[in-house]
Amino acid sequence: MAIFHLTISRAVAASPAFPPFEHASVKATACELVSHTKQPLSRQSTADITRRVNDVIHRPISASSVWRILRRDALQPWRYRYWIFPRDAHFGPKAAAILDLYAGIWQGQPLGDNDFVLSSDEKTSIQARIRCHPSVAPTPGAPLRIEPEYQRGGAVQYLAAWDVLRGVVFGRCEAKTGIASFGRLVDQVMQQAPYCRADRVFWIVDNGSSHRGQRAIKRLETRYPNAIMVHTPVHASWLNQIDIYFSIMQRKVLTPNDFGSLAAVAERLESFAQLHNAHPKPFNWKFDRQQLRDYMTRLNKRRVERGEEPLEMAERSIETTEQPVDMAA
């Protein structure tokens, strides 16, 4: 019988085993809000976490071991992002109405073939940054190089409306935002086919000053009787599909910002809209009423734990006798 000798490296043999309690200590220390500690830091690095864990478990642990423990559970406490938590008391019903429109439903009934849904907003203060030196084209092994110093060439406001069901966009540049500027965008859209002959055109907007409150609803209804304004909840821009288009535009059109004039900014924005509309495609929106309900349940649980009033939940969806329109049609 052959005997195989198992070889164990000295490094492995010398590495101490960390029991579950010590694994938990690393994760708990990493996930603790730094503001709740006495550390003069805003974020913790691996080295910071290692020093604190050593004090907790009363024996040495290396930074690489801490990193491996955190990596196993995909914990990266040094990363962060900004997030606005919903505070609208009627968040549930308002959000549900918008999600129904995205699914082709309004007040429990399917939208008709001659109904349209538009998502609209403004992207403000788009600057023309005139670089002090021309940009240098990329070469093998070297990226595009942009001069960091620039002269300010002014700023433009971009107003746009996104057709949720058709996947086309309408936009215009304005010197400033406001009721008049938004009205010109509405005229641009509503005075052309198919919207001028539509049975209903739903305008989903946020609560910005250009289209806030019942007065804005009345202004739109008076000018275009077939138009219906629907407001998102306060602090819920992520429910507005036009912001997805703005995000794409920011990455593909405006970054890096290297324009020779303000007119060049307006020209590129218009050209990008035409490029997109040549091959329109609706967004594959997946957040629905059930996901909203699950989200609201988690959100209200946290609010109650903090001693705050829970937000109003959305009613369960009403069963329809017909199938809603296909958003990808």
Protein backbone atom coordinates (compact mmCIF):
# COMPACT_ATOMS: atom_id res chain seq x y z
CA MET A 1 0.00 0.00 0.00
CA ALA A 2 1.37 3.36 -1.01
CA ILE A 3 1.62 6.02 1.66
CA PHE A 4 1.30 9.65 0.62
CA HIS A 5 2.74 12.28 2.90
CA LEU A 6 0.57 15.34 3.32
CA THR A 7 2.68 18.44 3.10
CA ILE A 8 1.50 21.52 5.01
CA SER A 9 3.27 24.79 4.46
CA ARG A 10 4.73 26.53 7.46
CA ALA A 11 2.69 29.63 6.69
CA VAL A 12 -0.59 27.71 6.82
CA ALA A 13 0.43 25.81 9.94
CA ALA A 14 1.33 29.07 11.66
CA SER A 15 -1.96 30.80 10.70
CA PRO A 16 -4.35 30.80 13.66
CA ALA A 17 -7.96 29.66 13.20
CA PHE A 18 -10.64 32.24 13.87
CA PRO A 19 -13.77 30.86 15.57
CA PRO A 20 -17.27 32.10 14.63
CA PHE A 21 -17.28 34.68 17.43
CA GLU A 22 -14.22 36.39 16.00
CA HIS A 23 -15.68 36.31 12.47
CA ALA A 24 -18.80 37.97 13.87
CA SER A 25 -16.70 40.56 15.69
CA VAL A 26 -14.99 41.55 12.44
CA LYS A 27 -18.33 41.95 10.64
CA ALA A 28 -19.97 43.80 13.52
CA THR A 29 -17.07 46.23 13.77
CA ALA A 30 -17.07 46.81 10.01
CA CYS A 31 -20.84 47.43 9.84
CA GLU A 32 -21.03 49.78 12.81
CA LEU A 33 -21.69 53.40 11.87
CA VAL A 34 -18.46 55.27 12.48
CA SER A 35 -20.45 58.26 13.73
CA HIS A 36 -21.58 56.08 16.66
CA THR A 37 -18.01 55.42 17.75
CA LYS A 38 -15.37 57.73 19.23
CA GLN A 39 -13.23 57.44 16.12
CA PRO A 40 -12.45 60.80 14.40
CA LEU A 41 -13.26 59.24 11.01
CA SER A 42 -16.05 59.33 8.46
CA ARG A 43 -15.17 55.95 6.91
CA GLN A 44 -13.15 52.93 8.03
CA SER A 45 -10.38 51.32 6.01
CA THR A 46 -9.30 47.71 6.47
CA ALA A 47 -6.46 48.90 8.69
CA ASP A 48 -8.87 50.89 10.87
CA ILE A 49 -11.17 47.87 11.27
CA THR A 50 -8.21 45.62 12.09
CA ARG A 51 -7.04 47.87 14.92
CA ARG A 52 -10.51 47.96 16.46
CA VAL A 53 -11.03 44.19 16.10
CA ASN A 54 -7.71 43.52 17.85
CA ASP A 55 -9.05 45.41 20.87
CA VAL A 56 -12.27 43.37 20.83
CA ILE A 57 -10.90 39.82 20.48
CA HIS A 58 -7.73 40.52 22.54
CA ARG A 59 -5.36 38.85 20.13
CA PRO A 60 -3.67 39.83 16.87
CA ILE A 61 -5.44 39.49 13.53
CA SER A 62 -3.92 40.64 10.27
CA ALA A 63 -5.46 43.13 7.89
CA SER A 64 -5.45 40.47 5.16
CA SER A 65 -7.49 38.13 7.40
CA VAL A 66 -9.98 40.91 8.07
CA TRP A 67 -10.21 41.60 4.35
CA ARG A 68 -10.86 37.91 3.57
CA ILE A 69 -13.61 37.69 6.21
CA LEU A 70 -15.33 40.80 4.83
CA ARG A 71 -14.89 39.70 1.24
CA ARG A 72 -16.59 36.37 1.98
CA ASP A 73 -19.80 38.25 2.78
CA ALA A 74 -19.27 41.02 0.20
CA LEU A 75 -18.90 43.67 2.91
CA GLN A 76 -17.25 46.92 1.85
CA PRO A 77 -17.94 49.42 4.66
CA TRP A 78 -15.69 52.09 3.11
CA ARG A 79 -18.12 52.47 0.21
CA TYR A 80 -21.17 54.72 0.39
CA ARG A 81 -23.84 56.36 -1.72
CA TYR A 82 -26.38 59.10 -1.12
CA TRP A 83 -29.99 58.06 -0.70
CA ILE A 84 -33.14 60.08 0.00
CA PHE A 85 -35.54 58.09 2.14
CA PRO A 86 -39.22 58.59 1.26
CA ARG A 87 -41.02 61.04 3.53
CA ASP A 88 -44.28 61.62 1.63
CA ALA A 89 -47.14 60.54 3.92
CA HIS A 90 -49.07 59.25 0.87
CA PHE A 91 -46.07 57.63 -0.79
CA GLY A 92 -47.74 54.26 -1.38
CA PRO A 93 -50.86 55.34 -3.33
CA LYS A 94 -48.94 57.94 -5.38
CA ALA A 95 -46.20 55.48 -6.33
CA ALA A 96 -48.72 52.75 -7.13
CA ALA A 97 -50.56 55.01 -9.60
CA ILE A 98 -47.32 55.57 -11.53
CA LEU A 99 -46.40 51.88 -11.51
CA ASP A 100 -49.86 51.07 -12.84
CA LEU A 101 -49.32 53.51 -15.73
CA TYR A 102 -46.01 51.83 -16.51
CA ALA A 103 -47.89 48.53 -16.61
CA GLY A 104 -50.56 50.00 -18.90
CA ILE A 105 -53.29 50.46 -16.26
CA TRP A 106 -55.13 53.51 -14.94
CA GLN A 107 -57.56 53.35 -12.03
CA GLY A 108 -57.91 49.60 -12.42
CA GLN A 109 -58.65 49.64 -16.16
CA PRO A 110 -56.28 48.87 -19.06
CA LEU A 111 -55.10 51.79 -21.16
CA GLY A 112 -56.53 52.01 -24.65
CA ASP A 113 -54.61 51.88 -27.91
CA ASN A 114 -54.93 55.68 -28.18
CA ASP A 115 -53.64 56.41 -24.67
CA PHE A 116 -50.04 57.53 -24.04
CA VAL A 117 -47.81 57.86 -20.99
CA LEU A 118 -45.10 60.53 -20.84
CA SER A 119 -42.43 60.89 -18.16
CA SER A 120 -41.04 64.41 -17.95
CA ASP A 121 -38.43 66.36 -16.00
CA GLU A 122 -35.67 68.98 -16.29
CA LYS A 123 -31.90 68.45 -16.21
CA THR A 124 -30.62 71.77 -14.96
CA SER A 125 -27.35 73.72 -15.24
CA ILE A 126 -25.62 71.79 -18.01
CA GLN A 127 -22.39 73.75 -18.39
CA ALA A 128 -20.23 74.40 -21.41
CA ARG A 129 -16.70 73.92 -20.09
CA ILE A 130 -14.26 75.35 -22.61
CA ARG A 131 -10.94 73.63 -21.89
CA CYS A 132 -7.79 75.75 -21.74
CA HIS A 133 -6.00 73.18 -23.92
CA PRO A 134 -7.42 70.91 -26.63
CA SER A 135 -8.07 67.34 -25.55
CA VAL A 136 -5.54 64.71 -26.63
CA ALA A 137 -6.89 61.64 -28.43
CA PRO A 138 -6.25 58.19 -26.91
CA THR A 139 -3.27 56.15 -28.07
CA PRO A 140 -2.21 52.54 -27.38
CA GLY A 141 -1.82 52.27 -23.61
CA ALA A 142 -2.94 55.86 -22.96
CA PRO A 143 -6.53 57.08 -22.42
CA LEU A 144 -8.14 60.26 -23.68
CA ARG A 145 -6.55 63.17 -21.83
CA ILE A 146 -8.66 66.14 -20.76
CA GLU A 147 -7.28 69.46 -19.54
CA PRO A 148 -8.70 70.02 -16.00
CA GLU A 149 -8.75 73.82 -16.24
CA TYR A 150 -11.55 75.42 -18.20
CA GLN A 151 -13.42 78.63 -18.88
CA ARG A 152 -17.12 78.76 -18.15
CA GLY A 153 -19.17 79.16 -21.29
CA GLY A 154 -22.56 79.43 -19.57
CA ALA A 155 -25.20 76.84 -18.74
CA VAL A 156 -28.35 75.53 -20.36
CA GLN A 157 -31.43 73.76 -18.98
CA TYR A 158 -32.63 70.62 -20.78
CA LEU A 159 -36.32 69.77 -20.56
CA ALA A 160 -37.47 66.41 -21.89
CA ALA A 161 -40.45 64.07 -22.09
CA TRP A 162 -40.05 60.30 -22.47
CA ASP A 163 -42.82 58.23 -24.07
CA VAL A 164 -42.94 55.23 -21.76
CA LEU A 165 -44.79 52.89 -24.11
CA ARG A 166 -43.05 53.85 -27.37
CA GLY A 167 -39.54 54.58 -26.10
CA VAL A 168 -39.08 57.93 -27.88
CA VAL A 169 -37.90 61.18 -26.31
CA PHE A 170 -38.70 64.84 -26.92
CA GLY A 171 -36.40 67.52 -25.59
CA ARG A 172 -35.56 71.19 -25.77
CA CYS A 173 -32.97 73.57 -24.33
CA GLU A 174 -34.02 76.62 -22.37
CA ALA A 175 -32.14 79.48 -20.73
CA LYS A 176 -33.97 78.81 -17.46
CA THR A 177 -36.59 76.52 -16.01
CA GLY A 178 -40.05 77.62 -14.97
CA ILE A 179 -43.72 77.42 -15.82
CA ALA A 180 -43.25 79.06 -19.22
CA SER A 181 -40.34 76.80 -20.21
CA PHE A 182 -42.25 73.67 -19.21
CA GLY A 183 -45.29 74.96 -21.10
CA ARG A 184 -43.22 75.20 -24.28
CA LEU A 185 -42.14 71.57 -23.88
CA VAL A 186 -45.78 70.55 -23.44
CA ASP A 187 -46.74 72.49 -26.58
CA GLN A 188 -43.91 70.85 -28.51
CA VAL A 189 -45.23 67.40 -27.66
CA MET A 190 -49.00 67.89 -27.56
CA GLN A 191 -49.24 69.74 -30.88
CA GLN A 192 -47.87 66.82 -32.89
CA ALA A 193 -49.22 63.38 -33.74
CA PRO A 194 -50.13 61.07 -32.15
CA TYR A 195 -50.60 63.11 -28.97
CA CYS A 196 -52.78 65.83 -30.50
CA ARG A 197 -55.33 63.14 -31.46
CA ALA A 198 -54.89 60.93 -28.39
CA ASP A 199 -57.76 60.04 -26.08
CA ARG A 200 -55.55 60.58 -23.02
CA VAL A 201 -51.95 61.65 -22.51
CA PHE A 202 -50.62 61.09 -19.00
CA TRP A 203 -47.78 63.40 -17.92
CA ILE A 204 -45.75 61.99 -15.02
CA VAL A 205 -43.82 64.81 -13.33
CA ASP A 206 -42.13 65.48 -10.00
CA ASN A 207 -42.95 68.27 -7.57
CA GLY A 208 -40.60 70.89 -8.99
CA SER A 209 -41.75 74.50 -9.15
CA SER A 210 -42.38 74.29 -12.92
CA HIS A 211 -45.29 71.87 -12.46
CA ARG A 212 -46.15 71.71 -8.77
CA GLY A 213 -49.56 71.15 -7.22
CA GLN A 214 -53.15 71.49 -8.33
CA ARG A 215 -52.53 74.73 -10.21
CA ALA A 216 -50.19 72.93 -12.59
CA ILE A 217 -52.75 70.15 -13.07
CA LYS A 218 -55.42 72.75 -13.88
CA ARG A 219 -53.15 74.67 -16.29
CA LEU A 220 -52.40 71.51 -18.26
CA GLU A 221 -56.03 70.38 -18.31
CA THR A 222 -57.23 73.81 -19.45
CA ARG A 223 -54.76 74.00 -22.33
CA TYR A 224 -55.05 70.35 -23.37
CA PRO A 225 -58.23 68.61 -22.16
CA ASN A 226 -56.87 65.18 -23.08
CA ALA A 227 -53.77 65.64 -20.89
CA ILE A 228 -53.66 64.31 -17.32
CA MET A 229 -50.84 65.31 -14.95
CA VAL A 230 -49.70 62.72 -12.41
CA HIS A 231 -47.23 63.72 -9.68
CA THR A 232 -44.63 61.44 -8.20
CA PRO A 233 -44.36 61.31 -4.40
CA VAL A 234 -42.01 63.89 -2.86
CA HIS A 235 -38.36 62.76 -3.04
CA ALA A 236 -39.09 59.91 -5.46
CA SER A 237 -37.38 60.88 -8.70
CA TRP A 238 -36.29 57.26 -9.11
CA LEU A 239 -39.90 56.48 -10.08
CA ASN A 240 -39.66 58.84 -13.06
CA GLN A 241 -38.37 57.01 -16.14
CA ILE A 242 -37.05 60.17 -17.80
CA ASP A 243 -34.28 60.19 -15.20
CA ILE A 244 -33.02 56.91 -16.67
CA TYR A 245 -32.65 58.67 -19.99
CA PHE A 246 -30.89 61.59 -18.27
CA SER A 247 -28.47 59.13 -16.67
CA ILE A 248 -27.65 57.64 -20.08
CA MET A 249 -27.27 61.13 -21.53
CA GLN A 250 -24.93 62.16 -18.72
CA ARG A 251 -22.62 59.19 -19.31
CA LYS A 252 -22.67 59.12 -23.11
CA VAL A 253 -23.12 62.78 -24.08
CA LEU A 254 -21.97 65.07 -21.28
CA THR A 255 -19.01 63.19 -19.77
CA PRO A 256 -16.31 64.30 -20.14
CA ASN A 257 -17.59 67.83 -20.50
CA ASP A 258 -15.54 69.31 -23.35
CA PHE A 259 -17.57 71.79 -25.39
CA GLY A 260 -16.44 74.80 -27.38
CA SER A 261 -19.60 76.79 -26.72
CA LEU A 262 -23.08 76.64 -25.23
CA ALA A 263 -24.48 76.20 -28.72
CA ALA A 264 -22.39 73.03 -29.07
CA VAL A 265 -24.04 71.64 -25.92
CA ALA A 266 -27.54 72.26 -27.29
CA GLU A 267 -26.61 70.79 -30.67
CA ARG A 268 -25.23 67.60 -29.15
CA LEU A 269 -28.25 67.10 -26.90
CA GLU A 270 -30.60 67.47 -29.87
CA SER A 271 -28.49 65.16 -32.03
CA PHE A 272 -28.43 62.49 -29.32
CA ALA A 273 -32.23 62.59 -29.05
CA GLN A 274 -32.48 62.11 -32.82
CA LEU A 275 -29.99 59.24 -32.66
CA HIS A 276 -32.00 57.55 -29.94
CA ASN A 277 -35.35 58.04 -31.71
CA ALA A 278 -33.98 56.40 -34.84
CA HIS A 279 -34.10 53.10 -32.91
CA PRO A 280 -36.58 53.65 -30.05
CA LYS A 281 -36.85 51.08 -27.30
CA PRO A 282 -38.86 51.31 -24.07
CA PHE A 283 -37.08 50.69 -20.79
CA ASN A 284 -37.52 47.25 -19.28
CA TRP A 285 -39.11 48.50 -16.06
CA LYS A 286 -39.35 45.72 -13.45
CA PHE A 287 -40.34 47.47 -10.22
CA ASP A 288 -44.05 46.64 -9.77
CA ARG A 289 -46.77 46.92 -7.15
CA GLN A 290 -45.68 43.81 -5.25
CA GLN A 291 -42.11 45.05 -5.00
CA LEU A 292 -43.46 48.43 -3.88
CA ARG A 293 -45.47 46.74 -1.16
CA ASP A 294 -42.43 44.77 0.04
CA TYR A 295 -40.35 47.95 0.02
CA MET A 296 -42.99 49.89 1.95
CA THR A 297 -43.22 47.11 4.54
CA ARG A 298 -39.46 47.27 5.16
CA LEU A 299 -39.46 51.06 5.15
CA ASN A 300 -42.33 51.36 7.64
CA LYS A 301 -40.71 48.82 9.93
CA ARG A 302 -37.62 51.05 10.15
CA ARG A 303 -39.77 54.15 10.66
CA VAL A 304 -41.66 52.54 13.54
CA GLU A 305 -38.37 51.45 15.11
CA ARG A 306 -37.25 55.09 15.02
CA GLY A 307 -40.52 56.24 16.58
CA GLU A 308 -41.89 57.75 13.34
CA GLU A 309 -45.33 57.38 11.79
CA PRO A 310 -45.55 54.75 9.02
CA LEU A 311 -46.26 55.95 5.49
CA GLU A 312 -49.54 55.12 3.78
CA MET A 313 -49.45 51.79 1.96
CA ALA A 314 -50.85 51.27 -1.52
CA GLU A 315 -54.04 49.31 -1.90
CA ARG A 316 -53.72 45.93 -3.51
CA SER A 317 -54.00 46.03 -7.30
CA ILE A 318 -57.45 45.71 -8.79
CA GLU A 319 -57.91 42.72 -11.08
CA THR A 320 -58.76 43.77 -14.62
CA THR A 321 -60.90 41.85 -17.06
CA GLU A 322 -58.62 42.71 -19.97
CA GLN A 323 -54.88 42.46 -20.50
CA PRO A 324 -52.89 45.72 -20.18
CA VAL A 325 -51.05 47.03 -23.21
CA ASP A 326 -47.67 45.50 -24.00
CA MET A 327 -45.04 48.09 -23.04
CA ALA A 328 -42.58 46.68 -25.54
CA ALA A 329 -45.00 46.81 -28.47
